[in-house]
Amino acid sequence: KLGQRYEKLRTLIHNSFPIRWYCLESTFIVVTDMTPAQVRDLCSP
């Protein structure tokens, strides 16, 4: 979306996954017990 702000998604990821890697724009690696589908569903809103 034009003018999209990444803060909403980044904040959700930061708050949901205390152990995370964020060394590239638009990419995180997180440590979790969730499946990829569960992570997708968490991020979707």
ModelCIF file with pLDDT and N, C-alpha, C, O atoms, coordinates in Angstrom:
data_MODEL
#
_entry.id   MODEL 
#
_entity.id                         1 
_entity.type                       polymer 
_entity.pdbx_number_of_molecules   1 
#
_entity_poly.entity_id                      1 
_entity_poly.type                           'polypeptide(L)' 
_entity_poly.nstd_linkage                   no 
_entity_poly.nstd_monomer                   no 
_entity_poly.pdbx_seq_one_letter_code       KLGQRYEKLRTLIHNSFPIRWYCLESTFIVVTDMTPAQVRDLCSP 
_entity_poly.pdbx_seq_one_letter_code_can   KLGQRYEKLRTLIHNSFPIRWYCLESTFIVVTDMTPAQVRDLCSP 
_entity_poly.pdbx_strand_id                 A 
#
loop_
_entity_poly_seq.entity_id 
_entity_poly_seq.num 
_entity_poly_seq.mon_id 
_entity_poly_seq.hetero 
1 1  LYS n 
1 2  LEU n 
1 3  GLY n 
1 4  GLN n 
1 5  ARG n 
1 6  TYR n 
1 7  GLU n 
1 8  LYS n 
1 9  LEU n 
1 10 ARG n 
1 11 THR n 
1 12 LEU n 
1 13 ILE n 
1 14 HIS n 
1 15 ASN n 
1 16 SER n 
1 17 PHE n 
1 18 PRO n 
1 19 ILE n 
1 20 ARG n 
1 21 TRP n 
1 22 TYR n 
1 23 CYS n 
1 24 LEU n 
1 25 GLU n 
1 26 SER n 
1 27 THR n 
1 28 PHE n 
1 29 ILE n 
1 30 VAL n 
1 31 VAL n 
1 32 THR n 
1 33 ASP n 
1 34 MET n 
1 35 THR n 
1 36 PRO n 
1 37 ALA n 
1 38 GLN n 
1 39 VAL n 
1 40 ARG n 
1 41 ASP n 
1 42 LEU n 
1 43 CYS n 
1 44 SER n 
1 45 PRO n 
#
_struct_asym.id          A 
_struct_asym.entity_id   1 
#
loop_
_ma_qa_metric.id 
_ma_qa_metric.mode 
_ma_qa_metric.name 
_ma_qa_metric.software_group_id 
_ma_qa_metric.type 
1 global pLDDT . pLDDT 
2 local  pLDDT . pLDDT 
#
_ma_qa_metric_global.metric_id      1 
_ma_qa_metric_global.metric_value   91.89 
_ma_qa_metric_global.model_id       1 
_ma_qa_metric_global.ordinal_id     1 
#
loop_
_ma_qa_metric_local.label_asym_id 
_ma_qa_metric_local.label_comp_id 
_ma_qa_metric_local.label_seq_id 
_ma_qa_metric_local.metric_id 
_ma_qa_metric_local.metric_value 
_ma_qa_metric_local.model_id 
_ma_qa_metric_local.ordinal_id 
A LYS 1  2 70.00 1 1  
A LEU 2  2 63.00 1 2  
A GLY 3  2 60.00 1 3  
A GLN 4  2 65.00 1 4  
A ARG 5  2 70.00 1 5  
A TYR 6  2 79.00 1 6  
A GLU 7  2 85.00 1 7  
A LYS 8  2 88.00 1 8  
A LEU 9  2 92.00 1 9  
A ARG 10 2 93.00 1 10 
A THR 11 2 94.00 1 11 
A LEU 12 2 96.00 1 12 
A ILE 13 2 97.00 1 13 
A HIS 14 2 96.00 1 14 
A ASN 15 2 97.00 1 15 
A SER 16 2 98.00 1 16 
A PHE 17 2 98.00 1 17 
A PRO 18 2 97.00 1 18 
A ILE 19 2 97.00 1 19 
A ARG 20 2 97.00 1 20 
A TRP 21 2 97.00 1 21 
A TYR 22 2 96.00 1 22 
A CYS 23 2 95.00 1 23 
A LEU 24 2 94.00 1 24 
A GLU 25 2 88.00 1 25 
A SER 26 2 92.00 1 26 
A THR 27 2 96.00 1 27 
A PHE 28 2 97.00 1 28 
A ILE 29 2 97.00 1 29 
A VAL 30 2 98.00 1 30 
A VAL 31 2 97.00 1 31 
A THR 32 2 97.00 1 32 
A ASP 33 2 97.00 1 33 
A MET 34 2 97.00 1 34 
A THR 35 2 97.00 1 35 
A PRO 36 2 98.00 1 36 
A ALA 37 2 98.00 1 37 
A GLN 38 2 98.00 1 38 
A VAL 39 2 98.00 1 39 
A ARG 40 2 98.00 1 40 
A ASP 41 2 98.00 1 41 
A LEU 42 2 97.00 1 42 
A CYS 43 2 96.00 1 43 
A SER 44 2 95.00 1 44 
A PRO 45 2 92.00 1 45 
#
loop_
_atom_site.group_PDB 
_atom_site.id 
_atom_site.type_symbol 
_atom_site.label_atom_id 
_atom_site.label_alt_id 
_atom_site.label_comp_id 
_atom_site.label_asym_id 
_atom_site.label_entity_id 
_atom_site.label_seq_id 
_atom_site.pdbx_PDB_ins_code 
_atom_site.Cartn_x 
_atom_site.Cartn_y 
_atom_site.Cartn_z 
_atom_site.occupancy 
_atom_site.B_iso_or_equiv 
_atom_site.pdbx_formal_charge 
_atom_site.auth_seq_id 
_atom_site.auth_comp_id 
_atom_site.auth_asym_id 
_atom_site.auth_atom_id 
_atom_site.pdbx_PDB_model_num 
ATOM 1   N N  . LYS A 1 1  ? 0.841  -1.191  0.000  1.00 70.00 ? 1  LYS A N  1 
ATOM 2   C CA . LYS A 1 1  ? 0.000  0.000   0.000  1.00 70.00 ? 1  LYS A CA 1 
ATOM 3   C C  . LYS A 1 1  ? 0.884  1.251   0.000  1.00 70.00 ? 1  LYS A C  1 
ATOM 4   O O  . LYS A 1 1  ? 1.843  1.335   0.767  1.00 70.00 ? 1  LYS A O  1 
ATOM 5   N N  . LEU A 1 2  ? 0.567  2.201   -0.842 1.00 63.00 ? 2  LEU A N  1 
ATOM 6   C CA . LEU A 1 2  ? 1.331  3.436   -0.917 1.00 63.00 ? 2  LEU A CA 1 
ATOM 7   C C  . LEU A 1 2  ? 1.398  4.084   0.462  1.00 63.00 ? 2  LEU A C  1 
ATOM 8   O O  . LEU A 1 2  ? 0.371  4.292   1.107  1.00 63.00 ? 2  LEU A O  1 
ATOM 9   N N  . GLY A 1 3  ? 2.598  4.398   0.904  1.00 60.00 ? 3  GLY A N  1 
ATOM 10  C CA . GLY A 1 3  ? 2.773  5.006   2.207  1.00 60.00 ? 3  GLY A CA 1 
ATOM 11  C C  . GLY A 1 3  ? 2.631  4.031   3.359  1.00 60.00 ? 3  GLY A C  1 
ATOM 12  O O  . GLY A 1 3  ? 2.469  4.451   4.505  1.00 60.00 ? 3  GLY A O  1 
ATOM 13  N N  . GLN A 1 4  ? 2.690  2.740   3.079  1.00 65.00 ? 4  GLN A N  1 
ATOM 14  C CA . GLN A 1 4  ? 2.515  1.713   4.116  1.00 65.00 ? 4  GLN A CA 1 
ATOM 15  C C  . GLN A 1 4  ? 3.521  1.919   5.235  1.00 65.00 ? 4  GLN A C  1 
ATOM 16  O O  . GLN A 1 4  ? 4.696  2.192   4.992  1.00 65.00 ? 4  GLN A O  1 
ATOM 17  N N  . ARG A 1 5  ? 3.051  1.786   6.441  1.00 70.00 ? 5  ARG A N  1 
ATOM 18  C CA . ARG A 1 5  ? 3.927  1.914   7.607  1.00 70.00 ? 5  ARG A CA 1 
ATOM 19  C C  . ARG A 1 5  ? 4.185  0.518   8.163  1.00 70.00 ? 5  ARG A C  1 
ATOM 20  O O  . ARG A 1 5  ? 3.255  -0.237  8.444  1.00 70.00 ? 5  ARG A O  1 
ATOM 21  N N  . TYR A 1 6  ? 5.431  0.202   8.312  1.00 79.00 ? 6  TYR A N  1 
ATOM 22  C CA . TYR A 1 6  ? 5.838  -1.118  8.766  1.00 79.00 ? 6  TYR A CA 1 
ATOM 23  C C  . TYR A 1 6  ? 5.746  -1.284  10.282 1.00 79.00 ? 6  TYR A C  1 
ATOM 24  O O  . TYR A 1 6  ? 5.850  -2.403  10.784 1.00 79.00 ? 6  TYR A O  1 
ATOM 25  N N  . GLU A 1 7  ? 5.553  -0.197  11.010 1.00 85.00 ? 7  GLU A N  1 
ATOM 26  C CA . GLU A 1 7  ? 5.616  -0.263  12.467 1.00 85.00 ? 7  GLU A CA 1 
ATOM 27  C C  . GLU A 1 7  ? 4.608  -1.237  13.066 1.00 85.00 ? 7  GLU A C  1 
ATOM 28  O O  . GLU A 1 7  ? 4.928  -1.931  14.031 1.00 85.00 ? 7  GLU A O  1 
ATOM 29  N N  . LYS A 1 8  ? 3.397  -1.304  12.515 1.00 88.00 ? 8  LYS A N  1 
ATOM 30  C CA . LYS A 1 8  ? 2.371  -2.181  13.078 1.00 88.00 ? 8  LYS A CA 1 
ATOM 31  C C  . LYS A 1 8  ? 2.831  -3.639  13.065 1.00 88.00 ? 8  LYS A C  1 
ATOM 32  O O  . LYS A 1 8  ? 2.725  -4.331  14.077 1.00 88.00 ? 8  LYS A O  1 
ATOM 33  N N  . LEU A 1 9  ? 3.339  -4.106  11.929 1.00 92.00 ? 9  LEU A N  1 
ATOM 34  C CA . LEU A 1 9  ? 3.803  -5.490  11.834 1.00 92.00 ? 9  LEU A CA 1 
ATOM 35  C C  . LEU A 1 9  ? 5.068  -5.698  12.666 1.00 92.00 ? 9  LEU A C  1 
ATOM 36  O O  . LEU A 1 9  ? 5.183  -6.700  13.371 1.00 92.00 ? 9  LEU A O  1 
ATOM 37  N N  . ARG A 1 10 ? 6.001  -4.777  12.594 1.00 93.00 ? 10 ARG A N  1 
ATOM 38  C CA . ARG A 1 10 ? 7.242  -4.916  13.359 1.00 93.00 ? 10 ARG A CA 1 
ATOM 39  C C  . ARG A 1 10 ? 6.968  -4.936  14.859 1.00 93.00 ? 10 ARG A C  1 
ATOM 40  O O  . ARG A 1 10 ? 7.581  -5.716  15.589 1.00 93.00 ? 10 ARG A O  1 
ATOM 41  N N  . THR A 1 11 ? 6.062  -4.095  15.320 1.00 94.00 ? 11 THR A N  1 
ATOM 42  C CA . THR A 1 11 ? 5.709  -4.078  16.742 1.00 94.00 ? 11 THR A CA 1 
ATOM 43  C C  . THR A 1 11 ? 5.066  -5.395  17.144 1.00 94.00 ? 11 THR A C  1 
ATOM 44  O O  . THR A 1 11 ? 5.374  -5.934  18.207 1.00 94.00 ? 11 THR A O  1 
ATOM 45  N N  . LEU A 1 12 ? 4.182  -5.917  16.313 1.00 96.00 ? 12 LEU A N  1 
ATOM 46  C CA . LEU A 1 12 ? 3.550  -7.211  16.596 1.00 96.00 ? 12 LEU A CA 1 
ATOM 47  C C  . LEU A 1 12 ? 4.611  -8.305  16.733 1.00 96.00 ? 12 LEU A C  1 
ATOM 48  O O  . LEU A 1 12 ? 4.554  -9.110  17.662 1.00 96.00 ? 12 LEU A O  1 
ATOM 49  N N  . ILE A 1 13 ? 5.574  -8.336  15.815 1.00 97.00 ? 13 ILE A N  1 
ATOM 50  C CA . ILE A 1 13 ? 6.631  -9.349  15.855 1.00 97.00 ? 13 ILE A CA 1 
ATOM 51  C C  . ILE A 1 13 ? 7.504  -9.152  17.094 1.00 97.00 ? 13 ILE A C  1 
ATOM 52  O O  . ILE A 1 13 ? 7.816  -10.120 17.787 1.00 97.00 ? 13 ILE A O  1 
ATOM 53  N N  . HIS A 1 14 ? 7.898  -7.923  17.379 1.00 96.00 ? 14 HIS A N  1 
ATOM 54  C CA . HIS A 1 14 ? 8.724  -7.640  18.567 1.00 96.00 ? 14 HIS A CA 1 
ATOM 55  C C  . HIS A 1 14 ? 8.008  -8.059  19.846 1.00 96.00 ? 14 HIS A C  1 
ATOM 56  O O  . HIS A 1 14 ? 8.628  -8.635  20.740 1.00 96.00 ? 14 HIS A O  1 
ATOM 57  N N  . ASN A 1 15 ? 6.725  -7.780  19.943 1.00 97.00 ? 15 ASN A N  1 
ATOM 58  C CA . ASN A 1 15 ? 5.972  -8.113  21.155 1.00 97.00 ? 15 ASN A CA 1 
ATOM 59  C C  . ASN A 1 15 ? 5.663  -9.596  21.278 1.00 97.00 ? 15 ASN A C  1 
ATOM 60  O O  . ASN A 1 15 ? 5.480  -10.093 22.390 1.00 97.00 ? 15 ASN A O  1 
ATOM 61  N N  . SER A 1 16 ? 5.601  -10.310 20.169 1.00 98.00 ? 16 SER A N  1 
ATOM 62  C CA . SER A 1 16 ? 5.218  -11.724 20.180 1.00 98.00 ? 16 SER A CA 1 
ATOM 63  C C  . SER A 1 16 ? 6.409  -12.672 20.304 1.00 98.00 ? 16 SER A C  1 
ATOM 64  O O  . SER A 1 16 ? 6.260  -13.796 20.784 1.00 98.00 ? 16 SER A O  1 
ATOM 65  N N  . PHE A 1 17 ? 7.585  -12.226 19.874 1.00 98.00 ? 17 PHE A N  1 
ATOM 66  C CA . PHE A 1 17 ? 8.753  -13.113 19.813 1.00 98.00 ? 17 PHE A CA 1 
ATOM 67  C C  . PHE A 1 17 ? 9.958  -12.435 20.468 1.00 98.00 ? 17 PHE A C  1 
ATOM 68  O O  . PHE A 1 17 ? 10.670 -11.677 19.810 1.00 98.00 ? 17 PHE A O  1 
ATOM 69  N N  . PRO A 1 18 ? 10.190 -12.698 21.748 1.00 97.00 ? 18 PRO A N  1 
ATOM 70  C CA . PRO A 1 18 ? 11.309 -12.057 22.435 1.00 97.00 ? 18 PRO A CA 1 
ATOM 71  C C  . PRO A 1 18 ? 12.676 -12.429 21.870 1.00 97.00 ? 18 PRO A C  1 
ATOM 72  O O  . PRO A 1 18 ? 13.611 -11.631 21.936 1.00 97.00 ? 18 PRO A O  1 
ATOM 73  N N  . ILE A 1 19 ? 12.799 -13.623 21.321 1.00 97.00 ? 19 ILE A N  1 
ATOM 74  C CA . ILE A 1 19 ? 14.076 -14.041 20.726 1.00 97.00 ? 19 ILE A CA 1 
ATOM 75  C C  . ILE A 1 19 ? 13.917 -13.910 19.217 1.00 97.00 ? 19 ILE A C  1 
ATOM 76  O O  . ILE A 1 19 ? 13.227 -14.708 18.582 1.00 97.00 ? 19 ILE A O  1 
ATOM 77  N N  . ARG A 1 20 ? 14.563 -12.896 18.651 1.00 97.00 ? 20 ARG A N  1 
ATOM 78  C CA . ARG A 1 20 ? 14.371 -12.617 17.235 1.00 97.00 ? 20 ARG A CA 1 
ATOM 79  C C  . ARG A 1 20 ? 15.653 -12.051 16.623 1.00 97.00 ? 20 ARG A C  1 
ATOM 80  O O  . ARG A 1 20 ? 16.503 -11.482 17.309 1.00 97.00 ? 20 ARG A O  1 
ATOM 81  N N  . TRP A 1 21 ? 15.754 -12.227 15.330 1.00 97.00 ? 21 TRP A N  1 
ATOM 82  C CA . TRP A 1 21 ? 16.855 -11.729 14.509 1.00 97.00 ? 21 TRP A CA 1 
ATOM 83  C C  . TRP A 1 21 ? 16.245 -10.736 13.535 1.00 97.00 ? 21 TRP A C  1 
ATOM 84  O O  . TRP A 1 21 ? 15.267 -11.047 12.855 1.00 97.00 ? 21 TRP A O  1 
ATOM 85  N N  . TYR A 1 22 ? 16.826 -9.535  13.465 1.00 96.00 ? 22 TYR A N  1 
ATOM 86  C CA . TYR A 1 22 ? 16.319 -8.514  12.560 1.00 96.00 ? 22 TYR A CA 1 
ATOM 87  C C  . TYR A 1 22 ? 17.508 -7.771  11.983 1.00 96.00 ? 22 TYR A C  1 
ATOM 88  O O  . TYR A 1 22 ? 17.821 -6.652  12.388 1.00 96.00 ? 22 TYR A O  1 
ATOM 89  N N  . CYS A 1 23 ? 18.166 -8.418  11.024 1.00 95.00 ? 23 CYS A N  1 
ATOM 90  C CA . CYS A 1 23 ? 19.365 -7.847  10.424 1.00 95.00 ? 23 CYS A CA 1 
ATOM 91  C C  . CYS A 1 23 ? 19.145 -7.426  8.971  1.00 95.00 ? 23 CYS A C  1 
ATOM 92  O O  . CYS A 1 23 ? 20.037 -6.832  8.366  1.00 95.00 ? 23 CYS A O  1 
ATOM 93  N N  . LEU A 1 24 ? 17.986 -7.719  8.405  1.00 94.00 ? 24 LEU A N  1 
ATOM 94  C CA . LEU A 1 24 ? 17.639 -7.318  7.046  1.00 94.00 ? 24 LEU A CA 1 
ATOM 95  C C  . LEU A 1 24 ? 16.275 -6.636  7.063  1.00 94.00 ? 24 LEU A C  1 
ATOM 96  O O  . LEU A 1 24 ? 15.388 -7.037  7.816  1.00 94.00 ? 24 LEU A O  1 
ATOM 97  N N  . GLU A 1 25 ? 16.108 -5.612  6.240  1.00 88.00 ? 25 GLU A N  1 
ATOM 98  C CA . GLU A 1 25 ? 14.798 -4.970  6.124  1.00 88.00 ? 25 GLU A CA 1 
ATOM 99  C C  . GLU A 1 25 ? 13.766 -6.004  5.684  1.00 88.00 ? 25 GLU A C  1 
ATOM 100 O O  . GLU A 1 25 ? 14.039 -6.830  4.813  1.00 88.00 ? 25 GLU A O  1 
ATOM 101 N N  . SER A 1 26 ? 12.618 -5.957  6.270  1.00 92.00 ? 26 SER A N  1 
ATOM 102 C CA . SER A 1 26 ? 11.476 -6.800  5.898  1.00 92.00 ? 26 SER A CA 1 
ATOM 103 C C  . SER A 1 26 ? 11.704 -8.288  6.147  1.00 92.00 ? 26 SER A C  1 
ATOM 104 O O  . SER A 1 26 ? 11.019 -9.122  5.554  1.00 92.00 ? 26 SER A O  1 
ATOM 105 N N  . THR A 1 27 ? 12.658 -8.633  7.016  1.00 96.00 ? 27 THR A N  1 
ATOM 106 C CA . THR A 1 27 ? 12.926 -10.036 7.325  1.00 96.00 ? 27 THR A CA 1 
ATOM 107 C C  . THR A 1 27 ? 13.234 -10.188 8.809  1.00 96.00 ? 27 THR A C  1 
ATOM 108 O O  . THR A 1 27 ? 14.067 -9.472  9.365  1.00 96.00 ? 27 THR A O  1 
ATOM 109 N N  . PHE A 1 28 ? 12.557 -11.120 9.426  1.00 97.00 ? 28 PHE A N  1 
ATOM 110 C CA . PHE A 1 28 ? 12.833 -11.511 10.810 1.00 97.00 ? 28 PHE A CA 1 
ATOM 111 C C  . PHE A 1 28 ? 13.076 -13.010 10.829 1.00 97.00 ? 28 PHE A C  1 
ATOM 112 O O  . PHE A 1 28 ? 12.558 -13.739 9.983  1.00 97.00 ? 28 PHE A O  1 
ATOM 113 N N  . ILE A 1 29 ? 13.858 -13.467 11.788 1.00 97.00 ? 29 ILE A N  1 
ATOM 114 C CA . ILE A 1 29 ? 13.900 -14.880 12.161 1.00 97.00 ? 29 ILE A CA 1 
ATOM 115 C C  . ILE A 1 29 ? 13.566 -14.900 13.637 1.00 97.00 ? 29 ILE A C  1 
ATOM 116 O O  . ILE A 1 29 ? 14.147 -14.153 14.424 1.00 97.00 ? 29 ILE A O  1 
ATOM 117 N N  . VAL A 1 30 ? 12.623 -15.761 14.015 1.00 98.00 ? 30 VAL A N  1 
ATOM 118 C CA . VAL A 1 30 ? 12.172 -15.807 15.401 1.00 98.00 ? 30 VAL A CA 1 
ATOM 119 C C  . VAL A 1 30 ? 12.300 -17.223 15.942 1.00 98.00 ? 30 VAL A C  1 
ATOM 120 O O  . VAL A 1 30 ? 12.256 -18.200 15.194 1.00 98.00 ? 30 VAL A O  1 
ATOM 121 N N  . VAL A 1 31 ? 12.459 -17.310 17.248 1.00 97.00 ? 31 VAL A N  1 
ATOM 122 C CA . VAL A 1 31 ? 12.458 -18.594 17.944 1.00 97.00 ? 31 VAL A CA 1 
ATOM 123 C C  . VAL A 1 31 ? 11.075 -18.748 18.552 1.00 97.00 ? 31 VAL A C  1 
ATOM 124 O O  . VAL A 1 31 ? 10.602 -17.867 19.271 1.00 97.00 ? 31 VAL A O  1 
ATOM 125 N N  . THR A 1 32 ? 10.425 -19.877 18.260 1.00 97.00 ? 32 THR A N  1 
ATOM 126 C CA . THR A 1 32 ? 9.036  -20.048 18.675 1.00 97.00 ? 32 THR A CA 1 
ATOM 127 C C  . THR A 1 32 ? 8.657  -21.529 18.714 1.00 97.00 ? 32 THR A C  1 
ATOM 128 O O  . THR A 1 32 ? 9.338  -22.380 18.140 1.00 97.00 ? 32 THR A O  1 
ATOM 129 N N  . ASP A 1 33 ? 7.567  -21.806 19.398 1.00 97.00 ? 33 ASP A N  1 
ATOM 130 C CA . ASP A 1 33 ? 6.944  -23.132 19.342 1.00 97.00 ? 33 ASP A CA 1 
ATOM 131 C C  . ASP A 1 33 ? 5.817  -23.165 18.315 1.00 97.00 ? 33 ASP A C  1 
ATOM 132 O O  . ASP A 1 33 ? 5.225  -24.218 18.078 1.00 97.00 ? 33 ASP A O  1 
ATOM 133 N N  . MET A 1 34 ? 5.519  -22.025 17.706 1.00 97.00 ? 34 MET A N  1 
ATOM 134 C CA . MET A 1 34 ? 4.436  -21.936 16.735 1.00 97.00 ? 34 MET A CA 1 
ATOM 135 C C  . MET A 1 34 ? 4.843  -22.548 15.399 1.00 97.00 ? 34 MET A C  1 
ATOM 136 O O  . MET A 1 34 ? 6.024  -22.573 15.051 1.00 97.00 ? 34 MET A O  1 
ATOM 137 N N  . THR A 1 35 ? 3.858  -23.039 14.656 1.00 97.00 ? 35 THR A N  1 
ATOM 138 C CA . THR A 1 35 ? 4.097  -23.504 13.291 1.00 97.00 ? 35 THR A CA 1 
ATOM 139 C C  . THR A 1 35 ? 4.148  -22.298 12.359 1.00 97.00 ? 35 THR A C  1 
ATOM 140 O O  . THR A 1 35 ? 3.689  -21.218 12.731 1.00 97.00 ? 35 THR A O  1 
ATOM 141 N N  . PRO A 1 36 ? 4.697  -22.462 11.154 1.00 98.00 ? 36 PRO A N  1 
ATOM 142 C CA . PRO A 1 36 ? 4.657  -21.353 10.206 1.00 98.00 ? 36 PRO A CA 1 
ATOM 143 C C  . PRO A 1 36 ? 3.225  -20.851 9.950  1.00 98.00 ? 36 PRO A C  1 
ATOM 144 O O  . PRO A 1 36 ? 3.015  -19.645 9.822  1.00 98.00 ? 36 PRO A O  1 
ATOM 145 N N  . ALA A 1 37 ? 2.259  -21.743 9.876  1.00 98.00 ? 37 ALA A N  1 
ATOM 146 C CA . ALA A 1 37 ? 0.871  -21.320 9.656  1.00 98.00 ? 37 ALA A CA 1 
ATOM 147 C C  . ALA A 1 37 ? 0.355  -20.493 10.835 1.00 98.00 ? 37 ALA A C  1 
ATOM 148 O O  . ALA A 1 37 ? -0.380 -19.527 10.630 1.00 98.00 ? 37 ALA A O  1 
ATOM 149 N N  . GLN A 1 38 ? 0.723  -20.851 12.051 1.00 98.00 ? 38 GLN A N  1 
ATOM 150 C CA . GLN A 1 38 ? 0.302  -20.075 13.219 1.00 98.00 ? 38 GLN A CA 1 
ATOM 151 C C  . GLN A 1 38 ? 0.952  -18.689 13.229 1.00 98.00 ? 38 GLN A C  1 
ATOM 152 O O  . GLN A 1 38 ? 0.308  -17.705 13.593 1.00 98.00 ? 38 GLN A O  1 
ATOM 153 N N  . VAL A 1 39 ? 2.219  -18.613 12.833 1.00 98.00 ? 39 VAL A N  1 
ATOM 154 C CA . VAL A 1 39 ? 2.894  -17.326 12.743 1.00 98.00 ? 39 VAL A CA 1 
ATOM 155 C C  . VAL A 1 39 ? 2.216  -16.467 11.670 1.00 98.00 ? 39 VAL A C  1 
ATOM 156 O O  . VAL A 1 39 ? 1.975  -15.279 11.884 1.00 98.00 ? 39 VAL A O  1 
ATOM 157 N N  . ARG A 1 40 ? 1.910  -17.068 10.521 1.00 98.00 ? 40 ARG A N  1 
ATOM 158 C CA . ARG A 1 40 ? 1.186  -16.343 9.461  1.00 98.00 ? 40 ARG A CA 1 
ATOM 159 C C  . ARG A 1 40 ? -0.119 -15.769 9.992  1.00 98.00 ? 40 ARG A C  1 
ATOM 160 O O  . ARG A 1 40 ? -0.426 -14.597 9.774  1.00 98.00 ? 40 ARG A O  1 
ATOM 161 N N  . ASP A 1 41 ? -0.884 -16.601 10.688 1.00 98.00 ? 41 ASP A N  1 
ATOM 162 C CA . ASP A 1 41 ? -2.175 -16.155 11.210 1.00 98.00 ? 41 ASP A CA 1 
ATOM 163 C C  . ASP A 1 41 ? -2.020 -15.043 12.241 1.00 98.00 ? 41 ASP A C  1 
ATOM 164 O O  . ASP A 1 41 ? -2.851 -14.137 12.304 1.00 98.00 ? 41 ASP A O  1 
ATOM 165 N N  . LEU A 1 42 ? -0.970 -15.104 13.042 1.00 97.00 ? 42 LEU A N  1 
ATOM 166 C CA . LEU A 1 42 ? -0.704 -14.059 14.022 1.00 97.00 ? 42 LEU A CA 1 
ATOM 167 C C  . LEU A 1 42 ? -0.395 -12.729 13.334 1.00 97.00 ? 42 LEU A C  1 
ATOM 168 O O  . LEU A 1 42 ? -0.853 -11.676 13.778 1.00 97.00 ? 42 LEU A O  1 
ATOM 169 N N  . CYS A 1 43 ? 0.380  -12.778 12.255 1.00 96.00 ? 43 CYS A N  1 
ATOM 170 C CA . CYS A 1 43 ? 0.807  -11.571 11.549 1.00 96.00 ? 43 CYS A CA 1 
ATOM 171 C C  . CYS A 1 43 ? -0.276 -10.992 10.637 1.00 96.00 ? 43 CYS A C  1 
ATOM 172 O O  . CYS A 1 43 ? -0.266 -9.792  10.361 1.00 96.00 ? 43 CYS A O  1 
ATOM 173 N N  . SER A 1 44 ? -1.182 -11.802 10.178 1.00 95.00 ? 44 SER A N  1 
ATOM 174 C CA . SER A 1 44 ? -2.158 -11.383 9.169  1.00 95.00 ? 44 SER A CA 1 
ATOM 175 C C  . SER A 1 44 ? -2.962 -10.140 9.524  1.00 95.00 ? 44 SER A C  1 
ATOM 176 O O  . SER A 1 44 ? -3.190 -9.318  8.637  1.00 95.00 ? 44 SER A O  1 
ATOM 177 N N  . PRO A 1 45 ? -3.410 -9.947  10.774 1.00 92.00 ? 45 PRO A N  1 
ATOM 178 C CA . PRO A 1 45 ? -4.174 -8.732  11.067 1.00 92.00 ? 45 PRO A CA 1 
ATOM 179 C C  . PRO A 1 45 ? -3.391 -7.429  10.871 1.00 92.00 ? 45 PRO A C  1 
ATOM 180 O O  . PRO A 1 45 ? -3.933 -6.345  11.088 1.00 92.00 ? 45 PRO A O  1 
#
